[in-house]
N, C-alpha and C. Protein backbone atom coordinates (compact mmCIF):
# COMPACT_ATOMS: atom_id res chain seq x y z
N MET A 1 2.40 -30.48 18.06
CA MET A 1 2.19 -30.55 16.63
C MET A 1 3.55 -30.76 15.96
N GLU A 2 3.63 -31.75 15.11
CA GLU A 2 4.91 -32.01 14.46
C GLU A 2 5.25 -30.88 13.49
N LEU A 3 6.53 -30.75 13.21
CA LEU A 3 7.04 -29.60 12.47
C LEU A 3 6.39 -29.42 11.10
N GLU A 4 6.28 -30.48 10.33
CA GLU A 4 5.74 -30.34 8.97
C GLU A 4 4.26 -29.94 9.01
N VAL A 5 3.51 -30.50 9.92
CA VAL A 5 2.10 -30.13 10.08
C VAL A 5 2.03 -28.65 10.46
N LYS A 6 2.86 -28.26 11.39
CA LYS A 6 2.87 -26.86 11.85
C LYS A 6 3.21 -25.91 10.71
N ARG A 7 4.17 -26.27 9.88
CA ARG A 7 4.55 -25.40 8.76
C ARG A 7 3.38 -25.18 7.81
N TRP A 8 2.67 -26.25 7.46
CA TRP A 8 1.53 -26.13 6.55
C TRP A 8 0.40 -25.36 7.21
N TRP A 9 0.16 -25.62 8.49
CA TRP A 9 -0.91 -24.94 9.20
C TRP A 9 -0.63 -23.44 9.30
N GLU A 10 0.59 -23.09 9.66
CA GLU A 10 0.94 -21.67 9.78
C GLU A 10 0.82 -20.96 8.43
N GLN A 11 1.22 -21.62 7.35
CA GLN A 11 1.09 -21.01 6.03
C GLN A 11 -0.38 -20.83 5.66
N ALA A 12 -1.20 -21.79 6.03
CA ALA A 12 -2.65 -21.65 5.79
C ALA A 12 -3.20 -20.43 6.51
N ARG A 13 -2.83 -20.26 7.76
CA ARG A 13 -3.30 -19.10 8.53
C ARG A 13 -2.78 -17.79 7.93
N GLN A 14 -1.52 -17.79 7.50
CA GLN A 14 -0.97 -16.59 6.87
C GLN A 14 -1.71 -16.27 5.58
N ASP A 15 -2.01 -17.29 4.79
CA ASP A 15 -2.74 -17.06 3.54
C ASP A 15 -4.13 -16.50 3.81
N LEU A 16 -4.79 -16.97 4.86
CA LEU A 16 -6.10 -16.42 5.19
C LEU A 16 -5.96 -14.96 5.63
N GLY A 17 -4.91 -14.65 6.36
CA GLY A 17 -4.65 -13.26 6.74
C GLY A 17 -4.40 -12.39 5.52
N THR A 18 -3.66 -12.93 4.56
CA THR A 18 -3.41 -12.20 3.31
C THR A 18 -4.72 -11.97 2.56
N ALA A 19 -5.59 -12.97 2.57
CA ALA A 19 -6.90 -12.82 1.92
C ALA A 19 -7.69 -11.68 2.55
N HIS A 20 -7.68 -11.61 3.86
CA HIS A 20 -8.39 -10.51 4.55
C HIS A 20 -7.78 -9.16 4.19
N TYR A 21 -6.47 -9.10 4.14
CA TYR A 21 -5.77 -7.86 3.79
C TYR A 21 -6.15 -7.41 2.38
N LEU A 22 -6.13 -8.34 1.45
CA LEU A 22 -6.48 -8.02 0.06
C LEU A 22 -7.95 -7.62 -0.05
N PHE A 23 -8.81 -8.29 0.70
CA PHE A 23 -10.23 -7.95 0.70
C PHE A 23 -10.44 -6.51 1.17
N GLU A 24 -9.77 -6.14 2.24
CA GLU A 24 -9.89 -4.77 2.76
C GLU A 24 -9.38 -3.76 1.74
N GLY A 25 -8.42 -4.17 0.92
CA GLY A 25 -7.90 -3.30 -0.13
C GLY A 25 -8.70 -3.38 -1.43
N LYS A 26 -9.85 -4.05 -1.37
CA LYS A 26 -10.76 -4.19 -2.50
C LYS A 26 -10.15 -4.96 -3.67
N LYS A 27 -9.23 -5.84 -3.37
CA LYS A 27 -8.64 -6.76 -4.36
C LYS A 27 -9.37 -8.10 -4.20
N PHE A 28 -10.61 -8.12 -4.66
CA PHE A 28 -11.49 -9.24 -4.35
C PHE A 28 -11.08 -10.54 -5.03
N LYS A 29 -10.68 -10.47 -6.28
CA LYS A 29 -10.26 -11.68 -6.99
C LYS A 29 -9.03 -12.29 -6.31
N GLU A 30 -8.08 -11.45 -5.97
CA GLU A 30 -6.86 -11.91 -5.32
C GLU A 30 -7.15 -12.45 -3.92
N ALA A 31 -8.07 -11.80 -3.22
CA ALA A 31 -8.46 -12.28 -1.89
C ALA A 31 -9.07 -13.68 -1.99
N SER A 32 -9.91 -13.89 -2.99
CA SER A 32 -10.52 -15.20 -3.17
C SER A 32 -9.47 -16.27 -3.47
N PHE A 33 -8.48 -15.92 -4.27
CA PHE A 33 -7.41 -16.88 -4.56
C PHE A 33 -6.70 -17.29 -3.27
N PHE A 34 -6.39 -16.34 -2.42
CA PHE A 34 -5.72 -16.68 -1.17
C PHE A 34 -6.63 -17.45 -0.22
N CYS A 35 -7.93 -17.31 -0.36
CA CYS A 35 -8.86 -18.15 0.40
C CYS A 35 -8.69 -19.61 -0.02
N GLN A 36 -8.62 -19.83 -1.32
CA GLN A 36 -8.41 -21.19 -1.81
C GLN A 36 -7.09 -21.74 -1.30
N GLN A 37 -6.04 -20.92 -1.36
CA GLN A 37 -4.73 -21.37 -0.90
C GLN A 37 -4.76 -21.72 0.59
N ALA A 38 -5.42 -20.92 1.38
CA ALA A 38 -5.52 -21.18 2.82
C ALA A 38 -6.24 -22.51 3.08
N ALA A 39 -7.34 -22.72 2.38
CA ALA A 39 -8.09 -23.96 2.57
C ALA A 39 -7.26 -25.16 2.13
N GLU A 40 -6.60 -25.05 0.99
CA GLU A 40 -5.78 -26.15 0.49
C GLU A 40 -4.68 -26.51 1.49
N LYS A 41 -3.97 -25.53 1.97
CA LYS A 41 -2.86 -25.79 2.89
C LYS A 41 -3.34 -26.32 4.23
N SER A 42 -4.50 -25.88 4.67
CA SER A 42 -5.02 -26.42 5.94
C SER A 42 -5.40 -27.88 5.78
N LEU A 43 -6.00 -28.25 4.65
CA LEU A 43 -6.34 -29.65 4.42
C LEU A 43 -5.08 -30.50 4.26
N LYS A 44 -4.06 -29.94 3.65
CA LYS A 44 -2.79 -30.67 3.52
C LYS A 44 -2.13 -30.85 4.88
N ALA A 45 -2.29 -29.91 5.78
CA ALA A 45 -1.77 -30.08 7.14
C ALA A 45 -2.45 -31.27 7.82
N VAL A 46 -3.76 -31.38 7.63
CA VAL A 46 -4.49 -32.52 8.20
C VAL A 46 -4.04 -33.82 7.55
N LEU A 47 -3.84 -33.79 6.23
CA LEU A 47 -3.39 -34.98 5.52
C LEU A 47 -2.03 -35.44 6.04
N ILE A 48 -1.13 -34.52 6.24
CA ILE A 48 0.19 -34.87 6.78
C ILE A 48 0.04 -35.47 8.18
N LYS A 49 -0.82 -34.88 8.97
CA LYS A 49 -1.06 -35.39 10.33
C LYS A 49 -1.59 -36.82 10.30
N LYS A 50 -2.54 -37.08 9.42
CA LYS A 50 -3.20 -38.39 9.39
C LYS A 50 -2.42 -39.44 8.61
N GLU A 51 -1.86 -39.04 7.48
CA GLU A 51 -1.26 -40.01 6.56
C GLU A 51 0.26 -39.94 6.49
N LYS A 52 0.84 -38.92 7.11
CA LYS A 52 2.30 -38.73 7.09
C LYS A 52 2.84 -38.55 5.68
N LYS A 53 2.01 -37.96 4.80
CA LYS A 53 2.45 -37.71 3.43
C LYS A 53 1.73 -36.49 2.88
N ILE A 54 2.28 -35.97 1.80
CA ILE A 54 1.67 -34.83 1.11
C ILE A 54 1.38 -35.25 -0.33
N ILE A 55 0.28 -34.82 -0.84
CA ILE A 55 -0.07 -35.08 -2.23
C ILE A 55 -0.19 -33.73 -2.92
N LYS A 56 0.47 -33.60 -4.04
CA LYS A 56 0.50 -32.31 -4.73
C LYS A 56 -0.67 -32.21 -5.71
N ILE A 57 -1.83 -31.92 -5.13
CA ILE A 57 -3.03 -31.65 -5.92
C ILE A 57 -3.65 -30.37 -5.39
N HIS A 58 -4.50 -29.78 -6.21
CA HIS A 58 -5.14 -28.52 -5.83
C HIS A 58 -6.66 -28.65 -5.72
N ASP A 59 -7.16 -29.83 -5.99
CA ASP A 59 -8.60 -30.08 -5.93
C ASP A 59 -9.01 -30.27 -4.47
N LEU A 60 -9.70 -29.29 -3.94
CA LEU A 60 -10.07 -29.35 -2.53
C LEU A 60 -11.06 -30.46 -2.22
N VAL A 61 -11.89 -30.81 -3.18
CA VAL A 61 -12.84 -31.90 -2.96
C VAL A 61 -12.09 -33.22 -2.77
N LYS A 62 -11.09 -33.46 -3.61
CA LYS A 62 -10.29 -34.68 -3.46
C LYS A 62 -9.53 -34.68 -2.14
N LEU A 63 -8.95 -33.54 -1.79
CA LEU A 63 -8.26 -33.44 -0.50
C LEU A 63 -9.24 -33.68 0.65
N ALA A 64 -10.42 -33.12 0.53
CA ALA A 64 -11.44 -33.28 1.57
C ALA A 64 -11.79 -34.75 1.76
N GLN A 65 -11.89 -35.48 0.67
CA GLN A 65 -12.20 -36.91 0.77
C GLN A 65 -11.06 -37.67 1.44
N LEU A 66 -9.84 -37.29 1.14
CA LEU A 66 -8.68 -37.97 1.73
C LEU A 66 -8.59 -37.77 3.24
N VAL A 67 -9.03 -36.62 3.72
CA VAL A 67 -8.94 -36.33 5.16
C VAL A 67 -10.27 -36.53 5.88
N HIS A 68 -11.29 -36.99 5.15
CA HIS A 68 -12.62 -37.24 5.72
C HIS A 68 -13.22 -35.97 6.32
N LEU A 69 -13.15 -34.92 5.53
CA LEU A 69 -13.74 -33.63 5.93
C LEU A 69 -15.24 -33.79 6.17
N ASP A 70 -15.76 -33.03 7.08
CA ASP A 70 -17.20 -32.99 7.33
C ASP A 70 -17.91 -32.78 5.99
N PRO A 71 -18.81 -33.69 5.59
CA PRO A 71 -19.49 -33.57 4.30
C PRO A 71 -20.23 -32.25 4.10
N LEU A 72 -20.64 -31.61 5.19
CA LEU A 72 -21.32 -30.33 5.06
C LEU A 72 -20.41 -29.24 4.49
N LEU A 73 -19.09 -29.47 4.54
CA LEU A 73 -18.14 -28.49 4.03
C LEU A 73 -17.72 -28.77 2.58
N LEU A 74 -18.19 -29.86 2.01
CA LEU A 74 -17.81 -30.17 0.62
C LEU A 74 -18.24 -29.09 -0.38
N PRO A 75 -19.42 -28.49 -0.25
CA PRO A 75 -19.76 -27.40 -1.18
C PRO A 75 -18.76 -26.23 -1.10
N ASP A 76 -18.25 -25.96 0.10
CA ASP A 76 -17.23 -24.91 0.24
C ASP A 76 -15.98 -25.29 -0.54
N CYS A 77 -15.58 -26.55 -0.42
CA CYS A 77 -14.40 -27.02 -1.15
C CYS A 77 -14.60 -26.94 -2.65
N LYS A 78 -15.77 -27.34 -3.10
CA LYS A 78 -16.07 -27.30 -4.53
C LYS A 78 -15.98 -25.87 -5.06
N GLN A 79 -16.58 -24.94 -4.36
CA GLN A 79 -16.57 -23.55 -4.81
C GLN A 79 -15.15 -22.98 -4.81
N LEU A 80 -14.39 -23.26 -3.77
CA LEU A 80 -13.03 -22.72 -3.70
C LEU A 80 -12.10 -23.37 -4.72
N THR A 81 -12.39 -24.60 -5.12
CA THR A 81 -11.59 -25.24 -6.17
C THR A 81 -11.74 -24.49 -7.48
N PHE A 82 -12.94 -24.01 -7.79
CA PHE A 82 -13.14 -23.21 -9.00
C PHE A 82 -12.30 -21.94 -8.94
N VAL A 83 -12.18 -21.38 -7.77
CA VAL A 83 -11.43 -20.13 -7.59
C VAL A 83 -9.97 -20.31 -7.97
N TYR A 84 -9.43 -21.50 -7.72
CA TYR A 84 -8.01 -21.75 -7.99
C TYR A 84 -7.65 -21.40 -9.44
N ILE A 85 -8.51 -21.73 -10.37
CA ILE A 85 -8.27 -21.41 -11.78
C ILE A 85 -8.83 -20.04 -12.13
N ASP A 86 -10.09 -19.81 -11.78
CA ASP A 86 -10.77 -18.58 -12.20
C ASP A 86 -10.07 -17.30 -11.75
N ALA A 87 -9.52 -17.31 -10.57
CA ALA A 87 -8.91 -16.08 -10.05
C ALA A 87 -7.53 -15.82 -10.63
N ARG A 88 -6.96 -16.81 -11.28
CA ARG A 88 -5.59 -16.64 -11.78
C ARG A 88 -5.50 -16.32 -13.27
N TYR A 89 -6.50 -16.70 -14.03
CA TYR A 89 -6.38 -16.56 -15.47
C TYR A 89 -7.50 -15.69 -16.03
N PRO A 90 -7.17 -14.78 -16.96
CA PRO A 90 -8.17 -13.85 -17.48
C PRO A 90 -9.15 -14.46 -18.47
N ASP A 91 -8.85 -15.65 -18.97
CA ASP A 91 -9.69 -16.22 -20.02
C ASP A 91 -10.62 -17.33 -19.52
N THR A 92 -10.91 -17.33 -18.23
CA THR A 92 -11.76 -18.40 -17.68
C THR A 92 -13.21 -17.99 -17.54
N GLY A 93 -13.53 -16.77 -17.87
CA GLY A 93 -14.91 -16.32 -17.80
C GLY A 93 -15.27 -15.58 -16.52
N GLN A 94 -14.41 -15.64 -15.52
CA GLN A 94 -14.68 -14.96 -14.25
C GLN A 94 -13.59 -13.91 -14.05
N ALA A 95 -13.64 -12.87 -14.85
CA ALA A 95 -12.61 -11.83 -14.79
C ALA A 95 -12.78 -10.91 -13.59
N HIS A 96 -14.01 -10.81 -13.09
CA HIS A 96 -14.28 -9.88 -11.99
C HIS A 96 -14.91 -10.63 -10.82
N TYR A 97 -14.42 -10.37 -9.64
CA TYR A 97 -15.00 -10.92 -8.42
C TYR A 97 -15.62 -9.78 -7.64
N SER A 98 -16.85 -9.96 -7.24
CA SER A 98 -17.52 -8.91 -6.46
C SER A 98 -17.11 -9.01 -4.99
N GLN A 99 -17.42 -7.96 -4.28
CA GLN A 99 -17.15 -7.94 -2.84
C GLN A 99 -17.92 -9.08 -2.16
N GLU A 100 -19.14 -9.29 -2.58
CA GLU A 100 -19.97 -10.35 -1.98
C GLU A 100 -19.38 -11.73 -2.24
N GLU A 101 -18.95 -11.98 -3.49
CA GLU A 101 -18.36 -13.27 -3.81
C GLU A 101 -17.10 -13.52 -2.99
N SER A 102 -16.27 -12.51 -2.91
CA SER A 102 -15.03 -12.65 -2.15
C SER A 102 -15.31 -12.84 -0.66
N ASN A 103 -16.28 -12.13 -0.14
CA ASN A 103 -16.65 -12.30 1.26
C ASN A 103 -17.15 -13.73 1.52
N ASN A 104 -17.92 -14.26 0.58
CA ASN A 104 -18.37 -15.65 0.70
C ASN A 104 -17.19 -16.61 0.73
N ASP A 105 -16.18 -16.33 -0.10
CA ASP A 105 -14.98 -17.17 -0.11
C ASP A 105 -14.22 -17.08 1.21
N LEU A 106 -14.17 -15.90 1.80
CA LEU A 106 -13.55 -15.75 3.12
C LEU A 106 -14.27 -16.61 4.15
N GLU A 107 -15.58 -16.61 4.10
CA GLU A 107 -16.36 -17.42 5.04
C GLU A 107 -16.14 -18.91 4.80
N ARG A 108 -16.08 -19.30 3.53
CA ARG A 108 -15.83 -20.71 3.20
C ARG A 108 -14.48 -21.15 3.75
N ALA A 109 -13.47 -20.36 3.46
CA ALA A 109 -12.12 -20.71 3.93
C ALA A 109 -12.07 -20.77 5.45
N ALA A 110 -12.70 -19.84 6.11
CA ALA A 110 -12.70 -19.83 7.58
C ALA A 110 -13.34 -21.10 8.14
N ARG A 111 -14.41 -21.56 7.53
CA ARG A 111 -15.06 -22.79 8.00
C ARG A 111 -14.14 -24.00 7.83
N ILE A 112 -13.45 -24.05 6.70
CA ILE A 112 -12.55 -25.18 6.45
C ILE A 112 -11.37 -25.13 7.42
N LEU A 113 -10.80 -23.95 7.64
CA LEU A 113 -9.69 -23.85 8.58
C LEU A 113 -10.12 -24.18 10.00
N LYS A 114 -11.31 -23.82 10.36
CA LYS A 114 -11.82 -24.14 11.70
C LYS A 114 -11.87 -25.66 11.88
N TRP A 115 -12.38 -26.36 10.87
CA TRP A 115 -12.43 -27.81 10.92
C TRP A 115 -11.02 -28.38 10.98
N ALA A 116 -10.13 -27.87 10.12
CA ALA A 116 -8.76 -28.39 10.06
C ALA A 116 -8.06 -28.23 11.40
N GLU A 117 -8.24 -27.09 12.03
CA GLU A 117 -7.57 -26.84 13.31
C GLU A 117 -7.98 -27.89 14.35
N LYS A 118 -9.21 -28.31 14.30
CA LYS A 118 -9.68 -29.33 15.25
C LYS A 118 -9.12 -30.71 14.93
N ASN A 119 -8.59 -30.87 13.72
CA ASN A 119 -8.13 -32.18 13.27
C ASN A 119 -6.63 -32.29 13.11
N ILE A 120 -5.93 -31.29 13.55
CA ILE A 120 -4.47 -31.40 13.57
C ILE A 120 -4.00 -31.43 15.00
């Protein structure tokens, strides 16, 4: 694995680990944010592998299209893209994340990382 791909992949895995840590600490909103970050960085690792470039966007659906992600995972990308904004700002209408919502985000991120790992 080339160095730049490895750097993005390792950061994605670390972010997913951070999400699990925050989830266990009942920091559900923050855990969901790190799920989005993990998914984004894993898709960017695939993009670097395939295209030898990085694009600075946060829309997981657009990234998914660029790397030809399995279409069955697009709903996961769409949901996690909402998290990128909702989990960071208090005025977006989603001030509270439940344990169930955050757990769903962990599962979404894990599915995306599993796909990414097979494609790097």
